[in-house]
Amino acid sequence: MSPSDRAGTLGAEPWDEGWVHEQAVKALGWLAKNYPECSGAEGLREYDKAADEAAGDHEAYLEALRAYCRAGRDEALRIRRGAA
């Protein structure tokens, strides 16, 4: 089922691509500003995939972005500890 199909599901909020883009920009901007060394980290791919899989469910998508940010922070802190 595509995200546009899910939007037609009874009781579901419409999947707004503009909103999705805005949330992703906020999350990635926060990571880039605070933890730039995690950019492109291999360990974030699974979190990126989870966000894609949450398409159609606003709450699940936000939670996936939060998990992505936490994982990016954790990866950056590991990198920083290794550089010390």
N, C-alpha and C. Protein backbone atom coordinates (compact mmCIF):
# COMPACT_ATOMS: atom_id res chain seq x y z
N MET A 1 0.84 -1.17 0.00
CA MET A 1 0.00 0.00 0.00
C MET A 1 0.89 1.23 0.00
N SER A 2 0.65 2.12 -0.92
CA SER A 2 1.46 3.34 -1.01
C SER A 2 0.96 4.37 0.01
N PRO A 3 1.80 5.36 0.34
CA PRO A 3 1.37 6.40 1.27
C PRO A 3 0.10 7.11 0.82
N SER A 4 -0.07 7.31 -0.48
CA SER A 4 -1.28 7.97 -0.94
C SER A 4 -2.50 7.07 -0.75
N ASP A 5 -2.32 5.75 -0.84
CA ASP A 5 -3.41 4.82 -0.56
C ASP A 5 -3.80 4.87 0.91
N ARG A 6 -2.80 4.95 1.78
CA ARG A 6 -3.06 5.00 3.21
C ARG A 6 -3.84 6.25 3.60
N ALA A 7 -3.63 7.34 2.88
CA ALA A 7 -4.31 8.59 3.20
C ALA A 7 -5.81 8.45 3.07
N GLY A 8 -6.25 7.52 2.25
CA GLY A 8 -7.68 7.32 2.07
C GLY A 8 -8.29 6.37 3.09
N THR A 9 -7.48 5.80 3.97
CA THR A 9 -7.97 4.87 4.97
C THR A 9 -8.85 5.60 5.97
N LEU A 10 -9.96 5.00 6.32
CA LEU A 10 -10.90 5.60 7.26
C LEU A 10 -10.20 5.95 8.57
N GLY A 11 -10.33 7.20 9.01
CA GLY A 11 -9.76 7.64 10.27
C GLY A 11 -8.30 8.05 10.20
N ALA A 12 -7.66 7.87 9.07
CA ALA A 12 -6.25 8.23 8.93
C ALA A 12 -6.13 9.69 8.49
N GLU A 13 -5.09 10.34 9.01
CA GLU A 13 -4.82 11.70 8.56
C GLU A 13 -4.21 11.62 7.16
N PRO A 14 -4.50 12.62 6.33
CA PRO A 14 -3.86 12.62 5.00
C PRO A 14 -2.35 12.75 5.14
N TRP A 15 -1.61 12.09 4.30
CA TRP A 15 -0.15 12.12 4.34
C TRP A 15 0.30 13.32 3.53
N ASP A 16 0.73 14.35 4.22
CA ASP A 16 1.12 15.63 3.64
C ASP A 16 2.62 15.63 3.36
N GLU A 17 2.99 15.57 2.10
CA GLU A 17 4.41 15.52 1.72
C GLU A 17 5.17 16.75 2.19
N GLY A 18 4.53 17.91 2.21
CA GLY A 18 5.17 19.12 2.70
C GLY A 18 5.53 19.00 4.17
N TRP A 19 4.62 18.45 4.96
CA TRP A 19 4.85 18.23 6.39
C TRP A 19 6.00 17.25 6.59
N VAL A 20 5.99 16.19 5.81
CA VAL A 20 7.04 15.17 5.89
C VAL A 20 8.40 15.81 5.62
N HIS A 21 8.47 16.59 4.57
CA HIS A 21 9.72 17.25 4.20
C HIS A 21 10.17 18.19 5.32
N GLU A 22 9.26 18.96 5.86
CA GLU A 22 9.57 19.91 6.94
C GLU A 22 10.14 19.19 8.17
N GLN A 23 9.53 18.08 8.53
CA GLN A 23 10.00 17.33 9.71
C GLN A 23 11.38 16.74 9.46
N ALA A 24 11.60 16.22 8.27
CA ALA A 24 12.91 15.64 7.95
C ALA A 24 13.99 16.72 7.94
N VAL A 25 13.66 17.89 7.39
CA VAL A 25 14.63 19.00 7.36
C VAL A 25 14.98 19.42 8.78
N LYS A 26 13.99 19.50 9.65
CA LYS A 26 14.25 19.86 11.05
C LYS A 26 15.19 18.85 11.71
N ALA A 27 14.89 17.58 11.55
CA ALA A 27 15.70 16.53 12.18
C ALA A 27 17.12 16.52 11.64
N LEU A 28 17.26 16.56 10.33
CA LEU A 28 18.60 16.52 9.74
C LEU A 28 19.38 17.80 10.03
N GLY A 29 18.68 18.94 10.08
CA GLY A 29 19.32 20.19 10.42
C GLY A 29 19.86 20.18 11.84
N TRP A 30 19.07 19.63 12.76
CA TRP A 30 19.49 19.52 14.16
C TRP A 30 20.75 18.65 14.27
N LEU A 31 20.73 17.52 13.57
CA LEU A 31 21.91 16.65 13.61
C LEU A 31 23.13 17.34 13.00
N ALA A 32 22.95 17.99 11.87
CA ALA A 32 24.07 18.64 11.19
C ALA A 32 24.66 19.75 12.05
N LYS A 33 23.81 20.48 12.75
CA LYS A 33 24.28 21.58 13.60
C LYS A 33 25.01 21.07 14.84
N ASN A 34 24.45 20.07 15.49
CA ASN A 34 24.96 19.61 16.78
C ASN A 34 25.95 18.45 16.70
N TYR A 35 25.81 17.61 15.70
CA TYR A 35 26.64 16.41 15.59
C TYR A 35 27.04 16.17 14.13
N PRO A 36 27.76 17.12 13.53
CA PRO A 36 28.07 17.00 12.10
C PRO A 36 28.90 15.76 11.75
N GLU A 37 29.65 15.24 12.71
CA GLU A 37 30.50 14.09 12.40
C GLU A 37 29.71 12.81 12.14
N CYS A 38 28.42 12.79 12.45
CA CYS A 38 27.64 11.58 12.20
C CYS A 38 27.10 11.53 10.77
N SER A 39 27.30 12.59 10.01
CA SER A 39 26.79 12.64 8.64
C SER A 39 27.31 11.46 7.83
N GLY A 40 26.41 10.74 7.24
CA GLY A 40 26.78 9.60 6.41
C GLY A 40 27.17 8.35 7.17
N ALA A 41 26.96 8.34 8.48
CA ALA A 41 27.34 7.17 9.28
C ALA A 41 26.54 5.95 8.84
N GLU A 42 27.24 4.87 8.64
CA GLU A 42 26.62 3.62 8.19
C GLU A 42 25.52 3.16 9.16
N GLY A 43 25.73 3.36 10.45
CA GLY A 43 24.76 2.91 11.45
C GLY A 43 23.43 3.62 11.40
N LEU A 44 23.34 4.71 10.66
CA LEU A 44 22.07 5.45 10.57
C LEU A 44 21.16 4.94 9.47
N ARG A 45 21.68 4.09 8.61
CA ARG A 45 20.87 3.61 7.48
C ARG A 45 19.60 2.88 7.93
N GLU A 46 19.70 2.08 8.98
CA GLU A 46 18.53 1.35 9.44
C GLU A 46 17.47 2.31 9.99
N TYR A 47 17.90 3.43 10.57
CA TYR A 47 16.95 4.41 11.10
C TYR A 47 16.31 5.20 9.96
N ASP A 48 17.07 5.45 8.92
CA ASP A 48 16.54 6.10 7.73
C ASP A 48 15.48 5.21 7.09
N LYS A 49 15.77 3.93 7.02
CA LYS A 49 14.82 2.97 6.46
C LYS A 49 13.55 2.90 7.31
N ALA A 50 13.70 2.94 8.64
CA ALA A 50 12.53 2.91 9.52
C ALA A 50 11.64 4.12 9.30
N ALA A 51 12.24 5.28 9.06
CA ALA A 51 11.44 6.48 8.77
C ALA A 51 10.68 6.30 7.47
N ASP A 52 11.33 5.75 6.46
CA ASP A 52 10.64 5.49 5.19
C ASP A 52 9.48 4.52 5.39
N GLU A 53 9.69 3.50 6.21
CA GLU A 53 8.65 2.50 6.44
C GLU A 53 7.48 3.05 7.25
N ALA A 54 7.69 4.14 7.96
CA ALA A 54 6.62 4.75 8.77
C ALA A 54 5.74 5.66 7.93
N ALA A 55 6.01 5.75 6.65
CA ALA A 55 5.21 6.61 5.78
C ALA A 55 3.73 6.31 5.92
N GLY A 56 2.96 7.36 6.06
CA GLY A 56 1.51 7.21 6.19
C GLY A 56 1.02 7.34 7.62
N ASP A 57 1.92 7.27 8.58
CA ASP A 57 1.55 7.36 9.99
C ASP A 57 2.38 8.47 10.64
N HIS A 58 1.74 9.61 10.87
CA HIS A 58 2.45 10.77 11.38
C HIS A 58 3.20 10.49 12.68
N GLU A 59 2.56 9.86 13.63
CA GLU A 59 3.22 9.59 14.93
C GLU A 59 4.39 8.64 14.77
N ALA A 60 4.21 7.60 13.98
CA ALA A 60 5.29 6.64 13.76
C ALA A 60 6.45 7.31 13.03
N TYR A 61 6.14 8.20 12.11
CA TYR A 61 7.18 8.90 11.37
C TYR A 61 7.99 9.80 12.30
N LEU A 62 7.29 10.55 13.16
CA LEU A 62 7.99 11.42 14.11
C LEU A 62 8.86 10.60 15.06
N GLU A 63 8.34 9.48 15.53
CA GLU A 63 9.13 8.63 16.42
C GLU A 63 10.36 8.08 15.69
N ALA A 64 10.20 7.72 14.42
CA ALA A 64 11.33 7.23 13.64
C ALA A 64 12.39 8.33 13.47
N LEU A 65 11.97 9.57 13.26
CA LEU A 65 12.92 10.67 13.16
C LEU A 65 13.62 10.91 14.49
N ARG A 66 12.88 10.78 15.59
CA ARG A 66 13.50 10.94 16.92
C ARG A 66 14.56 9.86 17.13
N ALA A 67 14.23 8.64 16.76
CA ALA A 67 15.19 7.54 16.90
C ALA A 67 16.41 7.79 16.02
N TYR A 68 16.20 8.33 14.83
CA TYR A 68 17.29 8.67 13.92
C TYR A 68 18.21 9.70 14.58
N CYS A 69 17.62 10.72 15.18
CA CYS A 69 18.41 11.76 15.85
C CYS A 69 19.18 11.20 17.04
N ARG A 70 18.53 10.35 17.83
CA ARG A 70 19.23 9.74 18.97
C ARG A 70 20.41 8.88 18.50
N ALA A 71 20.17 8.12 17.45
CA ALA A 71 21.24 7.26 16.91
C ALA A 71 22.37 8.11 16.35
N GLY A 72 22.05 9.21 15.68
CA GLY A 72 23.08 10.10 15.17
C GLY A 72 23.89 10.73 16.28
N ARG A 73 23.20 11.16 17.34
CA ARG A 73 23.89 11.72 18.50
C ARG A 73 24.83 10.68 19.11
N ASP A 74 24.31 9.48 19.31
CA ASP A 74 25.13 8.42 19.91
C ASP A 74 26.35 8.10 19.05
N GLU A 75 26.16 8.06 17.74
CA GLU A 75 27.28 7.79 16.82
C GLU A 75 28.31 8.91 16.90
N ALA A 76 27.86 10.15 16.94
CA ALA A 76 28.78 11.28 17.01
C ALA A 76 29.56 11.26 18.33
N LEU A 77 28.90 10.92 19.40
CA LEU A 77 29.58 10.86 20.69
C LEU A 77 30.62 9.74 20.71
N ARG A 78 30.32 8.60 20.07
CA ARG A 78 31.32 7.53 19.94
C ARG A 78 32.53 8.02 19.16
N ILE A 79 32.27 8.75 18.09
CA ILE A 79 33.36 9.30 17.27
C ILE A 79 34.19 10.27 18.11
N ARG A 80 33.52 11.13 18.83
CA ARG A 80 34.23 12.12 19.66
C ARG A 80 35.09 11.45 20.73
N ARG A 81 34.55 10.41 21.34
CA ARG A 81 35.33 9.70 22.37
C ARG A 81 36.56 9.04 21.77
N GLY A 82 36.39 8.53 20.56
CA GLY A 82 37.52 7.89 19.87
C GLY A 82 38.60 8.87 19.46
N ALA A 83 38.21 10.12 19.22
CA ALA A 83 39.16 11.14 18.79
C ALA A 83 39.92 11.74 19.96
N ALA A 84 39.41 11.53 21.18
CA ALA A 84 40.04 12.15 22.37
C ALA A 84 41.30 11.43 22.79
